[in-house]
């Protein structure tokens, strides 16, 4: 479905809308509408992770199954990256850091500042029953028509980090299992 917009001339027509009245398509002509050529979605790809994984490394490592490649149709295209990840920790005060990576470069991370960890988001476990909702929405401009890989990487300050499960993971209805996703949309220029 094409995205359409009203042109300004049509919105300001004095013969079609007075105060507190609704302007309707029946009072417009075909020239009062025009198609938008930019901002259309060229393609949508998604990876869904439903199983669980864990990480103990204090250096960034690829988060399994949270990698997706896309080949833009033009160098002017942008890629909208949408990530949802259910991350938890083994114990209270366990820190898990997650970064978004394009090919080999971390993107959508905080500025460098002394020894502070740069990441896209960070999670500190409060209890081993938590599986928080962590997300990233980032509009990237890769300027390429080659295949581009986007992925998540994670690391621990201490303890064990988990995806799609609680730290305790007790067989009980109050300890959930979740799904995580990475979605890529090519936005045409």
Protein backbone atom coordinates (compact mmCIF):
# COMPACT_ATOMS: atom_id res chain seq x y z
CA UNK A 1 0.00 0.00 0.00
CA UNK A 2 1.44 3.37 -0.97
CA UNK A 3 1.74 6.11 1.62
CA UNK A 4 -0.15 9.21 0.52
CA UNK A 5 -0.28 12.78 1.76
CA UNK A 6 -2.55 15.72 1.15
CA UNK A 7 -0.98 18.66 -0.58
CA UNK A 8 -1.14 21.95 1.29
CA UNK A 9 -3.43 23.56 -1.28
CA UNK A 10 -6.10 20.97 -0.58
CA UNK A 11 -5.92 21.36 3.20
CA UNK A 12 -6.40 25.13 2.90
CA UNK A 13 -9.38 24.99 0.53
CA UNK A 14 -11.97 27.48 1.84
CA UNK A 15 -14.85 25.75 0.05
CA UNK A 16 -14.47 22.37 1.77
CA UNK A 17 -13.86 22.83 5.47
CA UNK A 18 -15.05 25.39 7.98
CA UNK A 19 -14.25 25.45 11.68
CA UNK A 20 -15.19 22.22 13.45
CA UNK A 21 -16.00 20.45 10.17
CA UNK A 22 -14.34 17.36 8.82
CA UNK A 23 -12.65 17.67 5.42
CA UNK A 24 -13.63 14.62 3.39
CA UNK A 25 -12.35 12.98 0.24
CA UNK A 26 -15.72 13.55 -1.47
CA UNK A 27 -15.09 17.30 -1.45
CA UNK A 28 -11.66 16.92 -3.07
CA UNK A 29 -10.50 16.32 -6.59
CA UNK A 30 -7.84 13.83 -7.68
CA UNK A 31 -5.26 16.63 -7.96
CA UNK A 32 -5.70 17.38 -4.25
CA UNK A 33 -3.84 14.17 -3.41
CA UNK A 34 -0.30 13.18 -4.29
CA UNK A 35 1.85 10.11 -3.66
CA UNK A 36 4.97 10.24 -1.52
CA UNK A 37 7.96 8.84 -3.38
CA UNK A 38 10.38 8.58 -0.43
CA UNK A 39 10.04 6.58 2.75
CA UNK A 40 8.58 3.42 1.22
CA UNK A 41 9.61 0.09 2.69
CA UNK A 42 11.59 -1.96 0.17
CA UNK A 43 11.95 -5.19 2.16
CA UNK A 44 11.43 -6.55 5.68
CA UNK A 45 13.43 -9.38 7.25
CA UNK A 46 13.14 -10.87 10.72
CA UNK A 47 14.90 -13.45 12.87
CA UNK A 48 13.10 -14.86 15.91
CA UNK A 49 14.88 -16.60 18.76
CA UNK A 50 12.64 -18.74 20.97
CA UNK A 51 15.20 -20.94 22.72
CA UNK A 52 17.49 -19.89 25.58
CA UNK A 53 21.21 -19.22 25.81
CA UNK A 54 23.66 -18.09 28.45
CA UNK A 55 26.89 -16.08 28.55
CA UNK A 56 29.68 -15.70 31.13
CA UNK A 57 32.33 -13.91 29.02
CA UNK A 58 33.49 -10.48 30.16
CA UNK A 59 34.27 -9.60 26.51
CA UNK A 60 31.62 -9.05 23.84
CA UNK A 61 30.51 -12.28 22.13
CA UNK A 62 27.86 -12.86 19.45
CA UNK A 63 24.43 -13.53 20.88
CA UNK A 64 23.34 -16.81 19.19
CA UNK A 65 20.57 -16.58 16.58
CA UNK A 66 20.36 -12.78 16.84
CA UNK A 67 22.10 -12.13 13.50
CA UNK A 68 20.43 -11.07 10.26
CA UNK A 69 21.77 -9.97 6.84
CA UNK A 70 20.14 -7.62 4.35
CA UNK A 71 21.19 -6.40 0.89
CA UNK A 72 19.98 -2.83 0.25
CA UNK A 73 18.70 -2.08 -3.25
CA UNK A 74 20.39 1.36 -3.39
CA UNK A 75 23.22 3.17 -1.60
CA UNK A 76 20.72 5.87 -0.60
CA UNK A 77 18.55 3.38 1.33
CA UNK A 78 18.46 3.43 5.10
CA UNK A 79 18.00 0.34 7.30
CA UNK A 80 15.60 0.53 10.23
CA UNK A 81 16.78 -1.95 12.86
CA UNK A 82 14.30 -3.00 15.55
CA UNK A 83 15.48 -5.32 18.31
CA UNK A 84 13.67 -6.86 21.25
CA UNK A 85 15.63 -9.07 23.64
CA UNK A 86 14.60 -10.63 26.96
CA UNK A 87 17.84 -10.53 28.97
CA UNK A 88 18.24 -11.66 32.59
CA UNK A 89 21.00 -12.50 35.04
CA UNK A 90 21.88 -15.33 37.41
CA UNK A 91 21.94 -13.26 40.59
CA UNK A 92 20.97 -9.82 41.88
CA UNK A 93 23.37 -7.08 40.78
CA UNK A 94 24.62 -9.02 37.74
CA UNK A 95 25.23 -6.60 34.82
CA UNK A 96 24.72 -7.71 31.22
CA UNK A 97 25.73 -5.29 28.43
CA UNK A 98 24.40 -5.60 24.86
CA UNK A 99 25.59 -3.84 21.71
CA UNK A 100 24.23 -3.63 18.16
CA UNK A 101 26.86 -4.38 15.51
CA UNK A 102 26.87 -3.69 11.76
CA UNK A 103 29.28 -6.23 10.20
CA UNK A 104 32.19 -5.60 12.63
CA UNK A 105 31.39 -2.08 13.89
CA UNK A 106 29.37 -1.36 17.03
CA UNK A 107 26.58 1.13 16.26
CA UNK A 108 23.92 2.77 18.43
CA UNK A 109 26.23 2.71 21.45
CA UNK A 110 27.02 5.41 23.99
CA UNK A 111 30.05 7.69 23.71
CA UNK A 112 33.40 6.58 25.10
CA UNK A 113 34.10 7.92 28.58
CA UNK A 114 37.15 6.69 30.50
CA UNK A 115 36.70 3.01 31.40
CA UNK A 116 32.91 2.99 31.15
CA UNK A 117 31.36 0.20 29.05
CA UNK A 118 29.94 1.33 25.71
CA UNK A 119 26.72 -0.48 24.85
CA UNK A 120 23.29 -0.13 23.23
CA UNK A 121 21.57 -1.16 26.46
CA UNK A 122 22.54 -2.63 29.79
CA UNK A 123 20.58 -4.69 32.27
CA UNK A 124 21.19 -5.10 36.01
CA UNK A 125 19.36 -8.05 37.50
CA UNK A 126 17.32 -7.21 40.55
CA UNK A 127 16.08 -10.74 41.21
CA UNK A 128 16.64 -14.08 39.45
CA UNK A 129 12.93 -14.01 38.44
CA UNK A 130 13.24 -11.02 36.06
CA UNK A 131 13.14 -11.17 32.26
CA UNK A 132 13.04 -7.48 31.29
CA UNK A 133 11.94 -5.98 27.99
CA UNK A 134 15.02 -4.49 26.31
CA UNK A 135 14.78 -2.89 22.88
CA UNK A 136 16.67 -0.91 20.27
CA UNK A 137 15.20 1.09 17.39
CA UNK A 138 17.92 2.54 15.16
CA UNK A 139 17.87 4.05 11.65
CA UNK A 140 21.18 3.20 9.99
CA UNK A 141 22.68 4.69 6.81
CA UNK A 142 25.09 2.02 5.52
CA UNK A 143 25.55 3.56 2.01
CA UNK A 144 25.99 0.16 0.40
CA UNK A 145 24.37 -2.31 -1.97
CA UNK A 146 26.39 -5.24 -0.60
CA UNK A 147 25.04 -7.66 1.98
CA UNK A 148 25.18 -6.13 5.47
CA UNK A 149 25.00 -8.18 8.64
CA UNK A 150 23.41 -6.81 11.81
CA UNK A 151 23.81 -8.69 15.07
CA UNK A 152 23.69 -8.43 18.83
CA UNK A 153 26.67 -9.06 21.07
CA UNK A 154 26.63 -9.38 24.85
CA UNK A 155 29.02 -9.57 27.78
CA UNK A 156 28.92 -9.90 31.55
CA UNK A 157 30.43 -7.85 34.33
CA UNK A 158 30.08 -10.95 36.52
CA UNK A 159 27.89 -14.02 36.87
CA UNK A 160 25.84 -15.43 34.01
CA UNK A 161 23.54 -13.64 31.59
CA UNK A 162 20.54 -15.36 29.97
CA UNK A 163 18.26 -14.68 27.04
CA UNK A 164 14.58 -15.70 26.91
CA UNK A 165 14.50 -17.06 30.48
CA UNK A 166 14.81 -15.98 34.09
CA UNK A 167 18.01 -16.42 36.04
CA UNK A 168 16.42 -18.99 38.35
CA UNK A 169 14.41 -20.70 35.56
CA UNK A 170 12.35 -22.66 38.08
CA UNK A 171 9.68 -24.99 36.68
CA UNK A 172 6.81 -22.79 37.79
CA UNK A 173 4.23 -20.72 35.91
CA UNK A 174 5.63 -17.47 37.39
CA UNK A 175 9.04 -18.04 35.72
CA UNK A 176 8.46 -17.15 32.05
CA UNK A 177 10.13 -18.09 28.80
CA UNK A 178 10.13 -15.32 26.18
CA UNK A 179 11.01 -14.77 22.50
CA UNK A 180 13.52 -12.26 21.13
CA UNK A 181 13.57 -10.69 17.66
CA UNK A 182 15.71 -8.66 15.30
CA UNK A 183 13.88 -6.97 12.41
CA UNK A 184 15.44 -5.12 9.46
CA UNK A 185 13.48 -2.80 7.14
CA UNK A 186 14.94 -1.15 4.06
CA UNK A 187 13.63 2.40 3.86
CA UNK A 188 13.89 3.67 0.28
CA UNK A 189 15.15 7.21 -0.34
